[in-house]
Amino acid sequence: MSVVVDDDLVVEFLGADDEAQPLQEHVRKIDEIMLPYTAAGIKACLKLLGYEGMRPRKPTLPMPSDQVARAEQAMRNAGLLEC
C-alpha cells in the first residue's frame, strides 16, 4: 500500500514495522514541536513547505520564531525540506 504525503513524498507501507518506525519518529518530533501551537503551528509548518497566506487569525498568536526554527530543523531531518 502506498500513501501520498506530498507530490514528492510517497510512503510505501509493506507491513515492515522496522522501516515505518523511523518515519513515525520524525512525525512525532514535528508534532511535538508544532501541535502545542494548534493552528498557528500547523500554519507555520505549511509556510515552511512553501504555502502562502499561512498566518493564524486573531486572537491566535503566531508560533514563536525559535519554535519555527526547531520545526524547520525537524522537517529537514525528516527529508521534508531541502538542506
N, C-alpha and C. Protein backbone atom coordinates (compact mmCIF):
# COMPACT_ATOMS: atom_id res chain seq x y z
N MET A 1 0.84 -1.18 0.00
CA MET A 1 0.00 0.00 0.00
C MET A 1 0.88 1.24 0.00
N SER A 2 0.54 2.23 -0.81
CA SER A 2 1.27 3.49 -0.85
C SER A 2 0.39 4.61 -0.32
N VAL A 3 1.01 5.56 0.34
CA VAL A 3 0.32 6.75 0.81
C VAL A 3 1.08 7.94 0.24
N VAL A 4 0.36 8.84 -0.45
CA VAL A 4 0.98 10.05 -0.99
C VAL A 4 0.89 11.14 0.06
N VAL A 5 2.04 11.54 0.60
CA VAL A 5 2.10 12.60 1.60
C VAL A 5 2.22 13.94 0.90
N ASP A 6 2.92 13.96 -0.20
CA ASP A 6 3.18 15.16 -0.99
C ASP A 6 3.50 14.63 -2.38
N ASP A 7 3.47 15.49 -3.38
CA ASP A 7 3.80 15.04 -4.73
C ASP A 7 5.19 14.41 -4.80
N ASP A 8 6.09 14.86 -3.93
CA ASP A 8 7.45 14.36 -3.95
C ASP A 8 7.73 13.28 -2.90
N LEU A 9 6.74 12.99 -2.06
CA LEU A 9 6.97 12.05 -0.98
C LEU A 9 5.86 11.00 -0.97
N VAL A 10 6.20 9.83 -1.43
CA VAL A 10 5.27 8.71 -1.41
C VAL A 10 5.83 7.68 -0.46
N VAL A 11 5.03 7.28 0.51
CA VAL A 11 5.48 6.34 1.52
C VAL A 11 4.88 4.98 1.20
N GLU A 12 5.73 3.98 1.10
CA GLU A 12 5.29 2.61 0.86
C GLU A 12 5.16 1.90 2.21
N PHE A 13 3.99 1.33 2.44
CA PHE A 13 3.77 0.53 3.64
C PHE A 13 3.67 -0.92 3.22
N LEU A 14 4.61 -1.71 3.65
CA LEU A 14 4.63 -3.11 3.27
C LEU A 14 4.51 -4.00 4.50
N GLY A 15 4.06 -3.44 5.60
CA GLY A 15 3.96 -4.23 6.82
C GLY A 15 5.29 -4.37 7.53
N ALA A 16 6.26 -3.57 7.16
CA ALA A 16 7.59 -3.65 7.77
C ALA A 16 7.71 -2.57 8.84
N ASP A 17 7.43 -2.96 10.07
CA ASP A 17 7.49 -2.00 11.17
C ASP A 17 8.86 -1.37 11.32
N ASP A 18 9.91 -2.14 11.04
CA ASP A 18 11.26 -1.61 11.18
C ASP A 18 11.54 -0.48 10.20
N GLU A 19 10.84 -0.46 9.06
CA GLU A 19 11.00 0.63 8.10
C GLU A 19 10.09 1.80 8.44
N ALA A 20 8.94 1.53 9.02
CA ALA A 20 7.98 2.58 9.34
C ALA A 20 8.36 3.34 10.61
N GLN A 21 9.05 2.68 11.52
CA GLN A 21 9.37 3.29 12.81
C GLN A 21 10.18 4.59 12.68
N PRO A 22 11.23 4.65 11.85
CA PRO A 22 11.97 5.92 11.73
C PRO A 22 11.10 7.06 11.21
N LEU A 23 10.22 6.77 10.25
CA LEU A 23 9.31 7.79 9.74
C LEU A 23 8.38 8.27 10.85
N GLN A 24 7.84 7.35 11.63
CA GLN A 24 6.96 7.72 12.73
C GLN A 24 7.69 8.58 13.75
N GLU A 25 8.95 8.29 13.99
CA GLU A 25 9.73 9.09 14.94
C GLU A 25 9.91 10.52 14.43
N HIS A 26 10.14 10.69 13.13
CA HIS A 26 10.23 12.04 12.56
C HIS A 26 8.91 12.78 12.72
N VAL A 27 7.81 12.10 12.42
CA VAL A 27 6.48 12.72 12.55
C VAL A 27 6.22 13.11 14.00
N ARG A 28 6.57 12.23 14.94
CA ARG A 28 6.36 12.51 16.36
C ARG A 28 7.13 13.77 16.79
N LYS A 29 8.37 13.90 16.33
CA LYS A 29 9.17 15.06 16.71
C LYS A 29 8.57 16.35 16.16
N ILE A 30 8.12 16.32 14.91
CA ILE A 30 7.50 17.50 14.31
C ILE A 30 6.21 17.85 15.05
N ASP A 31 5.39 16.84 15.32
CA ASP A 31 4.14 17.06 16.07
C ASP A 31 4.41 17.65 17.44
N GLU A 32 5.42 17.15 18.11
CA GLU A 32 5.76 17.61 19.46
C GLU A 32 6.09 19.11 19.47
N ILE A 33 6.70 19.58 18.40
CA ILE A 33 7.08 20.99 18.30
C ILE A 33 5.89 21.85 17.89
N MET A 34 5.12 21.44 16.88
CA MET A 34 4.11 22.33 16.31
C MET A 34 2.74 22.25 16.97
N LEU A 35 2.33 21.09 17.44
CA LEU A 35 0.96 20.94 17.91
C LEU A 35 0.60 21.74 19.17
N PRO A 36 1.55 22.04 20.07
CA PRO A 36 1.17 22.90 21.19
C PRO A 36 0.68 24.29 20.74
N TYR A 37 1.02 24.68 19.52
CA TYR A 37 0.62 25.99 19.00
C TYR A 37 -0.62 25.89 18.11
N THR A 38 -1.26 24.74 18.12
CA THR A 38 -2.50 24.46 17.40
C THR A 38 -2.42 24.93 15.95
N ALA A 39 -3.40 25.70 15.50
CA ALA A 39 -3.44 26.13 14.10
C ALA A 39 -2.21 26.96 13.72
N ALA A 40 -1.70 27.75 14.65
CA ALA A 40 -0.52 28.57 14.35
C ALA A 40 0.69 27.67 14.04
N GLY A 41 0.83 26.55 14.74
CA GLY A 41 1.92 25.63 14.49
C GLY A 41 1.78 24.93 13.15
N ILE A 42 0.57 24.51 12.84
CA ILE A 42 0.33 23.86 11.56
C ILE A 42 0.59 24.83 10.42
N LYS A 43 0.11 26.06 10.56
CA LYS A 43 0.31 27.06 9.50
C LYS A 43 1.78 27.42 9.35
N ALA A 44 2.53 27.46 10.44
CA ALA A 44 3.96 27.75 10.36
C ALA A 44 4.67 26.66 9.56
N CYS A 45 4.31 25.41 9.80
CA CYS A 45 4.94 24.30 9.06
C CYS A 45 4.51 24.30 7.60
N LEU A 46 3.26 24.64 7.32
CA LEU A 46 2.81 24.74 5.93
C LEU A 46 3.57 25.85 5.21
N LYS A 47 3.82 26.96 5.91
CA LYS A 47 4.59 28.06 5.31
C LYS A 47 6.01 27.59 4.97
N LEU A 48 6.61 26.78 5.85
CA LEU A 48 7.94 26.25 5.58
C LEU A 48 7.94 25.36 4.33
N LEU A 49 6.79 24.73 4.06
CA LEU A 49 6.67 23.89 2.87
C LEU A 49 6.37 24.70 1.62
N GLY A 50 6.20 26.03 1.78
CA GLY A 50 6.02 26.89 0.62
C GLY A 50 4.60 27.37 0.38
N TYR A 51 3.68 27.04 1.28
CA TYR A 51 2.31 27.52 1.11
C TYR A 51 2.22 28.97 1.55
N GLU A 52 1.39 29.75 0.85
CA GLU A 52 1.26 31.18 1.14
C GLU A 52 0.04 31.46 2.00
N GLY A 53 0.04 32.61 2.64
CA GLY A 53 -1.11 33.03 3.44
C GLY A 53 -1.26 32.26 4.72
N MET A 54 -0.16 31.77 5.25
CA MET A 54 -0.23 30.92 6.43
C MET A 54 -0.01 31.70 7.72
N ARG A 55 -0.93 32.61 7.99
CA ARG A 55 -0.91 33.36 9.26
C ARG A 55 -2.16 32.98 10.04
N PRO A 56 -2.02 32.78 11.35
CA PRO A 56 -3.21 32.48 12.15
C PRO A 56 -4.09 33.72 12.29
N ARG A 57 -5.39 33.48 12.41
CA ARG A 57 -6.32 34.60 12.62
C ARG A 57 -6.24 35.06 14.06
N LYS A 58 -6.52 36.33 14.28
CA LYS A 58 -6.57 36.89 15.63
C LYS A 58 -7.72 36.23 16.37
N PRO A 59 -7.58 35.99 17.64
CA PRO A 59 -6.53 36.41 18.57
C PRO A 59 -5.36 35.44 18.68
N THR A 60 -5.30 34.41 17.85
CA THR A 60 -4.21 33.44 17.93
C THR A 60 -2.89 34.09 17.53
N LEU A 61 -1.90 33.91 18.36
CA LEU A 61 -0.57 34.45 18.07
C LEU A 61 0.20 33.50 17.17
N PRO A 62 1.13 34.03 16.38
CA PRO A 62 1.97 33.15 15.55
C PRO A 62 2.86 32.27 16.42
N MET A 63 3.32 31.21 15.86
CA MET A 63 4.27 30.33 16.54
C MET A 63 5.56 31.11 16.75
N PRO A 64 6.15 31.06 17.95
CA PRO A 64 7.40 31.81 18.21
C PRO A 64 8.51 31.40 17.24
N SER A 65 9.33 32.36 16.85
CA SER A 65 10.36 32.12 15.84
C SER A 65 11.36 31.04 16.25
N ASP A 66 11.67 30.93 17.54
CA ASP A 66 12.60 29.88 17.96
C ASP A 66 11.98 28.49 17.77
N GLN A 67 10.66 28.41 17.92
CA GLN A 67 9.98 27.13 17.71
C GLN A 67 9.82 26.83 16.22
N VAL A 68 9.65 27.87 15.42
CA VAL A 68 9.61 27.68 13.96
C VAL A 68 10.96 27.13 13.49
N ALA A 69 12.05 27.66 14.05
CA ALA A 69 13.38 27.17 13.69
C ALA A 69 13.55 25.70 14.10
N ARG A 70 13.03 25.33 15.26
CA ARG A 70 13.09 23.92 15.68
C ARG A 70 12.28 23.04 14.74
N ALA A 71 11.08 23.51 14.36
CA ALA A 71 10.23 22.74 13.44
C ALA A 71 10.92 22.60 12.09
N GLU A 72 11.54 23.69 11.63
CA GLU A 72 12.24 23.66 10.35
C GLU A 72 13.36 22.61 10.38
N GLN A 73 14.11 22.57 11.45
CA GLN A 73 15.20 21.59 11.55
C GLN A 73 14.64 20.17 11.58
N ALA A 74 13.57 19.97 12.32
CA ALA A 74 12.95 18.64 12.39
C ALA A 74 12.42 18.21 11.02
N MET A 75 11.87 19.16 10.28
CA MET A 75 11.36 18.86 8.94
C MET A 75 12.52 18.55 7.98
N ARG A 76 13.63 19.26 8.15
CA ARG A 76 14.82 18.96 7.33
C ARG A 76 15.34 17.55 7.64
N ASN A 77 15.40 17.24 8.92
CA ASN A 77 15.87 15.91 9.35
C ASN A 77 14.97 14.80 8.79
N ALA A 78 13.69 15.11 8.62
CA ALA A 78 12.73 14.13 8.09
C ALA A 78 12.77 14.06 6.57
N GLY A 79 13.53 14.97 5.94
CA GLY A 79 13.61 14.98 4.49
C GLY A 79 12.46 15.71 3.81
N LEU A 80 11.71 16.50 4.60
CA LEU A 80 10.58 17.25 4.04
C LEU A 80 11.01 18.57 3.44
N LEU A 81 12.18 19.06 3.83
CA LEU A 81 12.73 20.31 3.29
C LEU A 81 14.13 20.04 2.78
N GLU A 82 14.53 20.76 1.76
CA GLU A 82 15.90 20.62 1.25
C GLU A 82 16.87 21.20 2.26
N CYS A 83 18.03 20.57 2.36
CA CYS A 83 19.04 21.01 3.32
C CYS A 83 19.73 22.25 2.93
